[in-house]
Amino acid sequence: MPEQIPDEVSGGTLADPRLVTPDVLRRWPLPEPTGSKYGRGQAVVVGGSCSTPGAVLLAGVSALRMGAGKLHLGVAEGVAPHLAVAVPESGVTALAQSASGAVTGTGAGAALERETGRADAVLVGPGLDDPEGSARLVAEVVPTLAPDAPVLLDAFGLTVLPDLDDDVRGSLRGRLVATPNPGELAHLLDRDEVEDDDVAEATVEAARRYDAVVGCGDWVASADGSLWRMTTGDTGLATSGSGDVCAGAALGLLSRGAGLVQALVWAKSVHAAAGDTLAMRLGRVGYLAGEIPSELPLVLRTLRGD
């Protein structure tokens, strides 16, 4: 069923995008988080090679901070015990890894099916570092999901999208959220690069091509070409791990039942506003991505999303 977006917050065009302000967000309230942890949404994050397990930690904690009720992480077997201790709120599944510690994807579908089969939303990509393994991971995980479960692809989980089997890529159409950086956006569109002035146009093109909701930088586009532009955030957000926080924030809202566009617009806005709060307290640059998640629920409260 197509996402129902109120007319007063509907997207604009390339020439006249919808500017996302606190007033816009307040007129686009999030689903009320009620009931048990299962009713509030079950979120799964899959990624985490041995060299970059922190990306999954940041994404998973951010999903919980945005209101997800239950979290499960799938990571390389060499770091699974450590993540289980670092994020005691989460269940953890150990995934097969290569000699270098990269997630191979082999057997991942069977290993994760108990969790992904009942997940309300799944994020694949944070902390992956091998193209072949990432492609196999996405191909194994996606068939285990409920047909209408939103899928968020980020980082290496996203860059393999053009190379996936047609059946797998086709099964993602209409339920995919993609969060590329400009380099990853260029790869999705088979371009050498995307210049700063072209990010909005390229985001719209990618959304149309993959029948997805795509967010890059300040922009969010839907498959019909509608466009939203964030009005908060500064250079301090350009720090290692910040993108994982934003992707996790969107996952948390998707698991709560927010629509694809709503989840990404809200997540980007809250993520940026949390960075602004840290900038006021600590300085324009120098705060860490790991400090952002604890600010997310405070921003949500301020915007009366909950």
C-alpha atoms as a PDB file:
ATOM      1  CA  MET A   1       0.000   0.000   0.000  1.00  0.00           C
ATOM      2  CA  PRO A   2       1.469   3.407  -0.970  1.00  0.00           C
ATOM      3  CA  GLU A   3       2.633   5.565   1.909  1.00  0.00           C
ATOM      4  CA  GLN A   4       0.068   8.164   2.892  1.00  0.00           C
ATOM      5  CA  ILE A   5       1.785  11.549   3.215  1.00  0.00           C
ATOM      6  CA  PRO A   6      -0.329  14.527   4.344  1.00  0.00           C
ATOM      7  CA  ASP A   7      -0.658  17.208   1.693  1.00  0.00           C
ATOM      8  CA  GLU A   8       0.789  19.864   3.983  1.00  0.00           C
ATOM      9  CA  VAL A   9       4.111  17.990   4.250  1.00  0.00           C
ATOM     10  CA  SER A  10       4.238  16.371   0.808  1.00  0.00           C
ATOM     11  CA  GLY A  11       7.478  16.581  -1.123  1.00  0.00           C
ATOM     12  CA  GLY A  12       8.373  19.311  -3.543  1.00  0.00           C
ATOM     13  CA  THR A  13      10.319  19.308  -6.789  1.00  0.00           C
ATOM     14  CA  LEU A  14      13.918  19.892  -7.802  1.00  0.00           C
ATOM     15  CA  ALA A  15      13.018  23.501  -8.499  1.00  0.00           C
ATOM     16  CA  ASP A  16      11.036  23.893  -5.279  1.00  0.00           C
ATOM     17  CA  PRO A  17      11.804  21.180  -2.683  1.00  0.00           C
ATOM     18  CA  ARG A  18       9.869  20.850   0.556  1.00  0.00           C
ATOM     19  CA  LEU A  19      11.986  22.396   3.322  1.00  0.00           C
ATOM     20  CA  VAL A  20      11.874  20.255   6.441  1.00  0.00           C
ATOM     21  CA  THR A  21      11.327  22.394   9.532  1.00  0.00           C
ATOM     22  CA  PRO A  22      10.167  21.524  13.057  1.00  0.00           C
ATOM     23  CA  ASP A  23       6.689  22.691  12.050  1.00  0.00           C
ATOM     24  CA  VAL A  24       6.638  20.259   9.124  1.00  0.00           C
ATOM     25  CA  LEU A  25       7.644  17.402  11.405  1.00  0.00           C
ATOM     26  CA  ARG A  26       5.014  18.265  13.995  1.00  0.00           C
ATOM     27  CA  ARG A  27       2.368  18.133  11.276  1.00  0.00           C
ATOM     28  CA  TRP A  28       3.667  14.674  10.323  1.00  0.00           C
ATOM     29  CA  PRO A  29       3.507  12.832  13.668  1.00  0.00           C
ATOM     30  CA  LEU A  30       5.188   9.484  14.096  1.00  0.00           C
ATOM     31  CA  PRO A  31       3.261   6.336  15.047  1.00  0.00           C
ATOM     32  CA  GLU A  32       2.610   6.249  18.770  1.00  0.00           C
ATOM     33  CA  PRO A  33       5.047   3.866  20.549  1.00  0.00           C
ATOM     34  CA  THR A  34       2.769   1.689  22.680  1.00  0.00           C
ATOM     35  CA  GLY A  35       2.512  -1.888  23.855  1.00  0.00           C
ATOM     36  CA  SER A  36       5.229  -4.455  24.523  1.00  0.00           C
ATOM     37  CA  LYS A  37       8.732  -4.427  23.086  1.00  0.00           C
ATOM     38  CA  TYR A  38       7.398  -6.569  20.243  1.00  0.00           C
ATOM     39  CA  GLY A  39       4.576  -4.168  19.554  1.00  0.00           C
ATOM     40  CA  ARG A  40       6.990  -1.233  19.451  1.00  0.00           C
ATOM     41  CA  GLY A  41       8.946  -2.907  16.670  1.00  0.00           C
ATOM     42  CA  GLN A  42      11.627  -5.511  16.120  1.00  0.00           C
ATOM     43  CA  ALA A  43      14.746  -4.178  14.365  1.00  0.00           C
ATOM     44  CA  VAL A  44      17.642  -6.191  12.935  1.00  0.00           C
ATOM     45  CA  VAL A  45      21.062  -4.824  11.922  1.00  0.00           C
ATOM     46  CA  VAL A  46      23.325  -7.020   9.791  1.00  0.00           C
ATOM     47  CA  GLY A  47      26.960  -6.154   9.078  1.00  0.00           C
ATOM     48  CA  GLY A  48      30.017  -5.771  11.279  1.00  0.00           C
ATOM     49  CA  SER A  49      33.262  -7.222   9.985  1.00  0.00           C
ATOM     50  CA  CYS A  50      36.006  -7.831  12.537  1.00  0.00           C
ATOM     51  CA  SER A  51      37.712  -4.565  11.608  1.00  0.00           C
ATOM     52  CA  THR A  52      34.615  -2.362  11.936  1.00  0.00           C
ATOM     53  CA  PRO A  53      32.157  -3.825  14.452  1.00  0.00           C
ATOM     54  CA  GLY A  54      31.432  -0.390  15.916  1.00  0.00           C
ATOM     55  CA  ALA A  55      29.284   0.548  12.927  1.00  0.00           C
ATOM     56  CA  VAL A  56      26.695  -2.074  13.910  1.00  0.00           C
ATOM     57  CA  LEU A  57      26.845  -0.955  17.536  1.00  0.00           C
ATOM     58  CA  LEU A  58      26.151   2.668  16.579  1.00  0.00           C
ATOM     59  CA  ALA A  59      23.301   1.731  14.262  1.00  0.00           C
ATOM     60  CA  GLY A  60      21.706  -0.678  16.704  1.00  0.00           C
ATOM     61  CA  VAL A  61      21.836   1.637  19.697  1.00  0.00           C
ATOM     62  CA  SER A  62      20.440   4.462  17.556  1.00  0.00           C
ATOM     63  CA  ALA A  63      17.494   2.268  16.534  1.00  0.00           C
ATOM     64  CA  LEU A  64      16.692   1.671  20.191  1.00  0.00           C
ATOM     65  CA  ARG A  65      17.097   5.360  21.006  1.00  0.00           C
ATOM     66  CA  MET A  66      14.502   6.169  18.340  1.00  0.00           C
ATOM     67  CA  GLY A  67      11.976   3.864  19.960  1.00  0.00           C
ATOM     68  CA  ALA A  68      12.467   0.376  18.539  1.00  0.00           C
ATOM     69  CA  GLY A  69      11.345  -2.188  21.092  1.00  0.00           C
ATOM     70  CA  LYS A  70      13.617  -5.131  20.285  1.00  0.00           C
ATOM     71  CA  LEU A  71      17.032  -5.308  18.634  1.00  0.00           C
ATOM     72  CA  HIS A  72      19.054  -8.102  17.078  1.00  0.00           C
ATOM     73  CA  LEU A  73      22.520  -7.845  15.543  1.00  0.00           C
ATOM     74  CA  GLY A  74      24.162 -10.128  12.981  1.00  0.00           C
ATOM     75  CA  VAL A  75      27.959  -9.725  12.850  1.00  0.00           C
ATOM     76  CA  ALA A  76      31.161 -11.586  12.035  1.00  0.00           C
ATOM     77  CA  GLU A  77      31.698 -14.500  14.404  1.00  0.00           C
ATOM     78  CA  GLY A  78      35.008 -13.104  15.634  1.00  0.00           C
ATOM     79  CA  VAL A  79      33.332 -10.056  17.174  1.00  0.00           C
ATOM     80  CA  ALA A  80      29.914 -11.468  18.057  1.00  0.00           C
ATOM     81  CA  PRO A  81      30.737 -12.143  21.732  1.00  0.00           C
ATOM     82  CA  HIS A  82      32.152  -8.635  22.110  1.00  0.00           C
ATOM     83  CA  LEU A  83      29.060  -7.003  20.585  1.00  0.00           C
ATOM     84  CA  ALA A  84      26.841  -9.096  22.850  1.00  0.00           C
ATOM     85  CA  VAL A  85      28.615  -7.585  25.842  1.00  0.00           C
ATOM     86  CA  ALA A  86      28.860  -4.068  24.398  1.00  0.00           C
ATOM     87  CA  VAL A  87      25.129  -3.962  23.587  1.00  0.00           C
ATOM     88  CA  PRO A  88      23.484  -6.009  26.344  1.00  0.00           C
ATOM     89  CA  GLU A  89      20.051  -4.852  25.156  1.00  0.00           C
ATOM     90  CA  SER A  90      20.480  -6.868  21.951  1.00  0.00           C
ATOM     91  CA  GLY A  91      20.557 -10.448  20.819  1.00  0.00           C
ATOM     92  CA  VAL A  92      23.509 -11.340  18.577  1.00  0.00           C
ATOM     93  CA  THR A  93      24.014 -13.910  15.817  1.00  0.00           C
ATOM     94  CA  ALA A  94      27.516 -14.911  14.734  1.00  0.00           C
ATOM     95  CA  LEU A  95      28.013 -14.967  10.959  1.00  0.00           C
ATOM     96  CA  ALA A  96      30.644 -16.827   8.945  1.00  0.00           C
ATOM     97  CA  GLN A  97      33.765 -14.801   8.242  1.00  0.00           C
ATOM     98  CA  SER A  98      36.776 -14.980   5.972  1.00  0.00           C
ATOM     99  CA  ALA A  99      40.391 -15.304   7.107  1.00  0.00           C
ATOM    100  CA  SER A 100      40.587 -11.507   7.074  1.00  0.00           C
ATOM    101  CA  GLY A 101      37.514 -11.147   9.295  1.00  0.00           C
ATOM    102  CA  ALA A 102      35.073 -10.054   6.583  1.00  0.00           C
ATOM    103  CA  VAL A 103      31.495 -11.347   6.655  1.00  0.00           C
ATOM    104  CA  THR A 104      31.219 -13.883   3.817  1.00  0.00           C
ATOM    105  CA  GLY A 105      27.415 -14.060   3.712  1.00  0.00           C
ATOM    106  CA  THR A 106      27.562 -17.863   3.459  1.00  0.00           C
ATOM    107  CA  GLY A 107      24.747 -19.380   5.491  1.00  0.00           C
ATOM    108  CA  ALA A 108      23.624 -15.983   6.765  1.00  0.00           C
ATOM    109  CA  GLY A 109      20.022 -16.458   5.672  1.00  0.00           C
ATOM    110  CA  ALA A 110      19.620 -19.665   7.666  1.00  0.00           C
ATOM    111  CA  ALA A 111      21.497 -18.263  10.662  1.00  0.00           C
ATOM    112  CA  LEU A 112      19.349 -15.132  10.859  1.00  0.00           C
ATOM    113  CA  GLU A 113      15.988 -16.405   9.609  1.00  0.00           C
ATOM    114  CA  ARG A 114      14.445 -16.762  13.064  1.00  0.00           C
ATOM    115  CA  GLU A 115      15.023 -13.034  13.676  1.00  0.00           C
ATOM    116  CA  THR A 116      14.688 -11.582  10.178  1.00  0.00           C
ATOM    117  CA  GLY A 117      11.518 -13.556   9.484  1.00  0.00           C
ATOM    118  CA  ARG A 118       9.685 -11.683  12.245  1.00  0.00           C
ATOM    119  CA  ALA A 119      11.518  -8.370  11.976  1.00  0.00           C
ATOM    120  CA  ASP A 120       9.543  -5.185  11.385  1.00  0.00           C
ATOM    121  CA  ALA A 121      12.538  -3.632   9.590  1.00  0.00           C
ATOM    122  CA  VAL A 122      16.071  -4.711   8.677  1.00  0.00           C
ATOM    123  CA  LEU A 123      19.259  -2.731   8.033  1.00  0.00           C
ATOM    124  CA  VAL A 124      22.079  -4.376   6.066  1.00  0.00           C
ATOM    125  CA  GLY A 125      25.471  -2.800   5.528  1.00  0.00           C
ATOM    126  CA  PRO A 126      27.092  -1.057   8.511  1.00  0.00           C
ATOM    127  CA  GLY A 127      30.661  -2.231   8.967  1.00  0.00           C
ATOM    128  CA  LEU A 128      30.823  -4.518   5.929  1.00  0.00           C
ATOM    129  CA  ASP A 129      34.072  -4.341   3.970  1.00  0.00           C
ATOM    130  CA  ASP A 130      33.971  -6.973   1.214  1.00  0.00           C
ATOM    131  CA  PRO A 131      31.912  -6.561  -1.985  1.00  0.00           C
ATOM    132  CA  GLU A 132      31.473 -10.254  -2.751  1.00  0.00           C
ATOM    133  CA  GLY A 133      30.527 -11.134   0.803  1.00  0.00           C
ATOM    134  CA  SER A 134      28.177  -8.175   1.032  1.00  0.00           C
ATOM    135  CA  ALA A 135      26.340  -9.169  -2.142  1.00  0.00           C
ATOM    136  CA  ARG A 136      25.961 -12.733  -0.908  1.00  0.00           C
ATOM    137  CA  LEU A 137      24.762 -11.462   2.473  1.00  0.00           C
ATOM    138  CA  VAL A 138      22.025  -9.286   0.944  1.00  0.00           C
ATOM    139  CA  ALA A 139      20.992 -12.102  -1.413  1.00  0.00           C
ATOM    140  CA  GLU A 140      20.676 -14.546   1.498  1.00  0.00           C
ATOM    141  CA  VAL A 141      18.953 -12.243   3.969  1.00  0.00           C
ATOM    142  CA  VAL A 142      16.294 -10.587   1.783  1.00  0.00           C
ATOM    143  CA  PRO A 143      14.358 -13.806   0.960  1.00  0.00           C
ATOM    144  CA  THR A 144      13.978 -14.524   4.685  1.00  0.00           C
ATOM    145  CA  LEU A 145      12.037 -11.310   5.336  1.00  0.00           C
ATOM    146  CA  ALA A 146       8.299 -10.824   5.379  1.00  0.00           C
ATOM    147  CA  PRO A 147       7.220  -9.556   1.936  1.00  0.00           C
ATOM    148  CA  ASP A 148       6.284  -6.122   3.236  1.00  0.00           C
ATOM    149  CA  ALA A 149       9.131  -5.626   5.734  1.00  0.00           C
ATOM    150  CA  PRO A 150      11.115  -2.445   4.982  1.00  0.00           C
ATOM    151  CA  VAL A 151      14.762  -2.948   4.052  1.00  0.00           C
ATOM    152  CA  LEU A 152      17.383  -0.274   4.617  1.00  0.00           C
ATOM    153  CA  LEU A 153      20.677  -0.643   2.751  1.00  0.00           C
ATOM    154  CA  ASP A 154      23.728   1.364   3.750  1.00  0.00           C
ATOM    155  CA  ALA A 155      27.452   1.405   2.945  1.00  0.00           C
ATOM    156  CA  PHE A 156      28.663  -1.858   1.326  1.00  0.00           C
ATOM    157  CA  GLY A 157      25.184  -3.315   1.641  1.00  0.00           C
ATOM    158  CA  LEU A 158      24.056  -0.557  -0.688  1.00  0.00           C
ATOM    159  CA  THR A 159      26.903  -0.430  -3.200  1.00  0.00           C
ATOM    160  CA  VAL A 160      26.250  -4.034  -4.259  1.00  0.00           C
ATOM    161  CA  LEU A 161      22.649  -3.196  -5.211  1.00  0.00           C
ATOM    162  CA  PRO A 162      23.303  -2.788  -8.972  1.00  0.00           C
ATOM    163  CA  ASP A 163      24.985  -6.202  -9.072  1.00  0.00           C
ATOM    164  CA  LEU A 164      22.311  -8.208  -7.268  1.00  0.00           C
ATOM    165  CA  ASP A 165      20.278 -10.874  -9.023  1.00  0.00           C
ATOM    166  CA  ASP A 166      17.214  -9.401 -10.743  1.00  0.00           C
ATOM    167  CA  ASP A 167      14.874 -11.396  -8.499  1.00  0.00           C
ATOM    168  CA  VAL A 168      16.500 -10.096  -5.314  1.00  0.00           C
ATOM    169  CA  ARG A 169      16.657  -6.527  -6.565  1.00  0.00           C
ATOM    170  CA  GLY A 170      13.076  -6.772  -7.777  1.00  0.00           C
ATOM    171  CA  SER A 171      11.886  -7.993  -4.375  1.00  0.00           C
ATOM    172  CA  LEU A 172      13.260  -4.791  -2.837  1.00  0.00           C
ATOM    173  CA  ARG A 173      11.279  -2.457  -5.050  1.00  0.00           C
ATOM    174  CA  GLY A 174       8.723  -0.413  -3.169  1.00  0.00           C
ATOM    175  CA  ARG A 175      10.119  -1.224   0.294  1.00  0.00           C
ATOM    176  CA  LEU A 176      13.737  -0.085   0.019  1.00  0.00           C
ATOM    177  CA  VAL A 177      15.357   2.807   1.859  1.00  0.00           C
ATOM    178  CA  ALA A 178      18.865   3.712   0.711  1.00  0.00           C
ATOM    179  CA  THR A 179      21.288   6.042   2.501  1.00  0.00           C
ATOM    180  CA  PRO A 180      24.282   6.599   0.201  1.00  0.00           C
ATOM    181  CA  ASN A 181      27.044   9.148   0.517  1.00  0.00           C
ATOM    182  CA  PRO A 182      27.893  11.006  -2.723  1.00  0.00           C
ATOM    183  CA  GLY A 183      30.450   8.398  -3.774  1.00  0.00           C
ATOM    184  CA  GLU A 184      28.007   5.551  -3.222  1.00  0.00           C
ATOM    185  CA  LEU A 185      25.299   7.521  -4.999  1.00  0.00           C
ATOM    186  CA  ALA A 186      27.560   7.847  -8.037  1.00  0.00           C
ATOM    187  CA  HIS A 187      28.133   4.089  -8.003  1.00  0.00           C
ATOM    188  CA  LEU A 188      24.389   3.399  -7.900  1.00  0.00           C
ATOM    189  CA  LEU A 189      23.964   5.539 -11.003  1.00  0.00           C
ATOM    190  CA  ASP A 190      27.072   4.237 -12.803  1.00  0.00           C
ATOM    191  CA  ARG A 191      28.709   7.664 -12.727  1.00  0.00           C
ATOM    192  CA  ASP A 192      32.296   8.599 -11.985  1.00  0.00           C
ATOM    193  CA  GLU A 193      31.177  11.090  -9.342  1.00  0.00           C
ATOM    194  CA  VAL A 194      28.328  13.276  -8.169  1.00  0.00           C
ATOM    195  CA  GLU A 195      29.231  16.923  -7.678  1.00  0.00           C
ATOM    196  CA  ASP A 196      27.802  18.852  -4.731  1.00  0.00           C
ATOM    197  CA  ASP A 197      25.499  20.829  -7.015  1.00  0.00           C
ATOM    198  CA  ASP A 198      24.134  17.616  -8.521  1.00  0.00           C
ATOM    199  CA  VAL A 199      23.313  15.673  -5.340  1.00  0.00           C
ATOM    200  CA  ALA A 200      19.611  16.587  -5.358  1.00  0.00           C
ATOM    201  CA  GLU A 201      19.111  15.584  -8.997  1.00  0.00           C
ATOM    202  CA  ALA A 202      21.097  12.356  -8.535  1.00  0.00           C
ATOM    203  CA  THR A 203      19.124  11.446  -5.410  1.00  0.00           C
ATOM    204  CA  VAL A 204      15.873  11.788  -7.336  1.00  0.00           C
ATOM    205  CA  GLU A 205      17.263   9.700 -10.211  1.00  0.00           C
ATOM    206  CA  ALA A 206      18.359   6.916  -7.855  1.00  0.00           C
ATOM    207  CA  ALA A 207      14.968   6.873  -6.110  1.00  0.00           C
ATOM    208  CA  ARG A 208      13.218   6.474  -9.445  1.00  0.00           C
ATOM    209  CA  ARG A 209      15.640   3.883 -10.785  1.00  0.00           C
ATOM    210  CA  TYR A 210      15.383   1.578  -7.764  1.00  0.00           C
ATOM    211  CA  ASP A 211      11.778   2.375  -6.746  1.00  0.00           C
ATOM    212  CA  ALA A 212      13.148   3.405  -3.369  1.00  0.00           C
ATOM    213  CA  VAL A 213      13.338   6.226  -0.873  1.00  0.00           C
ATOM    214  CA  VAL A 214      16.855   7.616  -1.118  1.00  0.00           C
ATOM    215  CA  GLY A 215      18.588  10.044   1.221  1.00  0.00           C
ATOM    216  CA  CYS A 216      21.948  11.669   0.511  1.00  0.00           C
ATOM    217  CA  GLY A 217      23.280  14.629   2.454  1.00  0.00           C
ATOM    218  CA  ASP A 218      20.504  17.146   3.008  1.00  0.00           C
ATOM    219  CA  TRP A 219      18.155  15.482   0.527  1.00  0.00           C
ATOM    220  CA  VAL A 220      15.470  12.794   0.622  1.00  0.00           C
ATOM    221  CA  ALA A 221      13.680  11.686  -2.553  1.00  0.00           C
ATOM    222  CA  SER A 222      10.871   9.235  -3.199  1.00  0.00           C
ATOM    223  CA  ALA A 223      10.302   7.105  -6.287  1.00  0.00           C
ATOM    224  CA  ASP A 224       7.752   9.540  -7.742  1.00  0.00           C
ATOM    225  CA  GLY A 225      10.359  12.311  -7.794  1.00  0.00           C
ATOM    226  CA  SER A 226       9.140  14.152  -4.698  1.00  0.00           C
ATOM    227  CA  LEU A 227      11.938  15.891  -2.827  1.00  0.00           C
ATOM    228  CA  TRP A 228      12.558  17.074   0.738  1.00  0.00           C
ATOM    229  CA  ARG A 229      15.497  19.156   1.981  1.00  0.00           C
ATOM    230  CA  MET A 230      16.785  19.258   5.556  1.00  0.00           C
ATOM    231  CA  THR A 231      17.293  22.679   7.146  1.00  0.00           C
ATOM    232  CA  THR A 232      19.428  21.675  10.130  1.00  0.00           C
ATOM    233  CA  GLY A 233      22.879  20.176  10.612  1.00  0.00           C
ATOM    234  CA  ASP A 234      26.443  21.373  10.187  1.00  0.00           C
ATOM    235  CA  THR A 235      29.942  20.140   9.395  1.00  0.00           C
ATOM    236  CA  GLY A 236      30.353  18.446  12.772  1.00  0.00           C
ATOM    237  CA  LEU A 237      28.109  15.629  11.544  1.00  0.00           C
ATOM    238  CA  ALA A 238      30.789  14.752   8.998  1.00  0.00           C
ATOM    239  CA  THR A 239      32.579  12.459  11.412  1.00  0.00           C
ATOM    240  CA  SER A 240      33.376   8.755  11.425  1.00  0.00           C
ATOM    241  CA  GLY A 241      30.310   6.674  12.318  1.00  0.00           C
ATOM    242  CA  SER A 242      27.776   9.463  11.945  1.00  0.00           C
ATOM    243  CA  GLY A 243      26.167   7.820   8.923  1.00  0.00           C
ATOM    244  CA  ASP A 244      25.699   4.615  10.892  1.00  0.00           C
ATOM    245  CA  VAL A 245      23.839   6.583  13.557  1.00  0.00           C
ATOM    246  CA  CYS A 246      21.536   8.126  10.949  1.00  0.00           C
ATOM    247  CA  ALA A 247      20.842   4.763   9.289  1.00  0.00           C
ATOM    248  CA  GLY A 248      20.077   3.218  12.679  1.00  0.00           C
ATOM    249  CA  ALA A 249      17.771   6.099  13.544  1.00  0.00           C
ATOM    250  CA  ALA A 250      15.783   5.471  10.356  1.00  0.00           C
ATOM    251  CA  LEU A 251      15.677   1.743  11.143  1.00  0.00           C
ATOM    252  CA  GLY A 252      14.213   2.462  14.567  1.00  0.00           C
ATOM    253  CA  LEU A 253      11.411   4.555  13.083  1.00  0.00           C
ATOM    254  CA  LEU A 254      10.710   2.011  10.341  1.00  0.00           C
ATOM    255  CA  SER A 255      10.397  -0.712  12.956  1.00  0.00           C
ATOM    256  CA  ARG A 256       7.879   1.455  14.838  1.00  0.00           C
ATOM    257  CA  GLY A 257       5.694   1.569  11.744  1.00  0.00           C
ATOM    258  CA  ALA A 258       6.698   4.888  10.154  1.00  0.00           C
ATOM    259  CA  GLY A 259       6.456   5.038   6.361  1.00  0.00           C
ATOM    260  CA  LEU A 260       9.622   4.885   4.285  1.00  0.00           C
ATOM    261  CA  VAL A 261       9.710   8.601   3.508  1.00  0.00           C
ATOM    262  CA  GLN A 262       8.566   9.666   6.954  1.00  0.00           C
ATOM    263  CA  ALA A 263      11.176   7.493   8.668  1.00  0.00           C
ATOM    264  CA  LEU A 264      14.068   8.853   6.629  1.00  0.00           C
ATOM    265  CA  VAL A 265      12.976  12.494   6.760  1.00  0.00           C
ATOM    266  CA  TRP A 266      12.479  12.305  10.520  1.00  0.00           C
ATOM    267  CA  ALA A 267      15.722  10.376  11.062  1.00  0.00           C
ATOM    268  CA  LYS A 268      17.805  12.835   9.080  1.00  0.00           C
ATOM    269  CA  SER A 269      16.190  15.783  10.836  1.00  0.00           C
ATOM    270  CA  VAL A 270      16.593  14.352  14.332  1.00  0.00           C
ATOM    271  CA  HIS A 271      20.163  13.233  13.587  1.00  0.00           C
ATOM    272  CA  ALA A 272      21.064  16.728  12.376  1.00  0.00           C
ATOM    273  CA  ALA A 273      19.357  18.440  15.313  1.00  0.00           C
ATOM    274  CA  ALA A 274      21.176  16.140  17.735  1.00  0.00           C
ATOM    275  CA  GLY A 275      24.429  17.231  16.122  1.00  0.00           C
ATOM    276  CA  ASP A 276      23.420  20.867  16.519  1.00  0.00           C
ATOM    277  CA  THR A 277      22.798  20.253  20.226  1.00  0.00           C
ATOM    278  CA  LEU A 278      26.236  18.718  20.671  1.00  0.00           C
ATOM    279  CA  ALA A 279      27.814  21.554  18.707  1.00  0.00           C
ATOM    280  CA  MET A 280      26.353  24.084  21.114  1.00  0.00           C
ATOM    281  CA  ARG A 281      27.676  22.150  24.096  1.00  0.00           C
ATOM    282  CA  LEU A 282      31.034  20.913  22.819  1.00  0.00           C
ATOM    283  CA  GLY A 283      31.886  23.015  19.774  1.00  0.00           C
ATOM    284  CA  ARG A 284      31.121  23.028  16.078  1.00  0.00           C
ATOM    285  CA  VAL A 285      33.449  20.083  15.419  1.00  0.00           C
ATOM    286  CA  GLY A 286      35.055  17.497  17.660  1.00  0.00           C
ATOM    287  CA  TYR A 287      32.059  15.646  19.072  1.00  0.00           C
ATOM    288  CA  LEU A 288      31.924  11.927  18.341  1.00  0.00           C
ATOM    289  CA  ALA A 289      29.353   9.838  16.534  1.00  0.00           C
ATOM    290  CA  GLY A 290      29.031   7.762  19.680  1.00  0.00           C
ATOM    291  CA  GLU A 291      27.760  10.832  21.505  1.00  0.00           C
ATOM    292  CA  ILE A 292      24.884  11.407  19.076  1.00  0.00           C
ATOM    293  CA  PRO A 293      22.566   8.486  19.982  1.00  0.00           C
ATOM    294  CA  SER A 294      21.894   9.669  23.526  1.00  0.00           C
ATOM    295  CA  GLU A 295      20.686  13.003  22.113  1.00  0.00           C
ATOM    296  CA  LEU A 296      18.158  11.411  19.753  1.00  0.00           C
ATOM    297  CA  PRO A 297      15.311  10.781  22.222  1.00  0.00           C
ATOM    298  CA  LEU A 298      15.731  14.283  23.655  1.00  0.00           C
ATOM    299  CA  VAL A 299      15.277  15.784  20.187  1.00  0.00           C
ATOM    300  CA  LEU A 300      12.277  13.530  19.583  1.00  0.00           C
ATOM    301  CA  ARG A 301      10.708  14.777  22.796  1.00  0.00           C
ATOM    302  CA  THR A 302      11.332  18.385  21.791  1.00  0.00           C
ATOM    303  CA  LEU A 303       9.648  17.814  18.438  1.00  0.00           C
ATOM    304  CA  ARG A 304       6.753  16.035  20.165  1.00  0.00           C
ATOM    305  CA  GLY A 305       7.148  12.996  17.979  1.00  0.00           C
ATOM    306  CA  ASP A 306       6.415  10.695  20.901  1.00  0.00           C
END
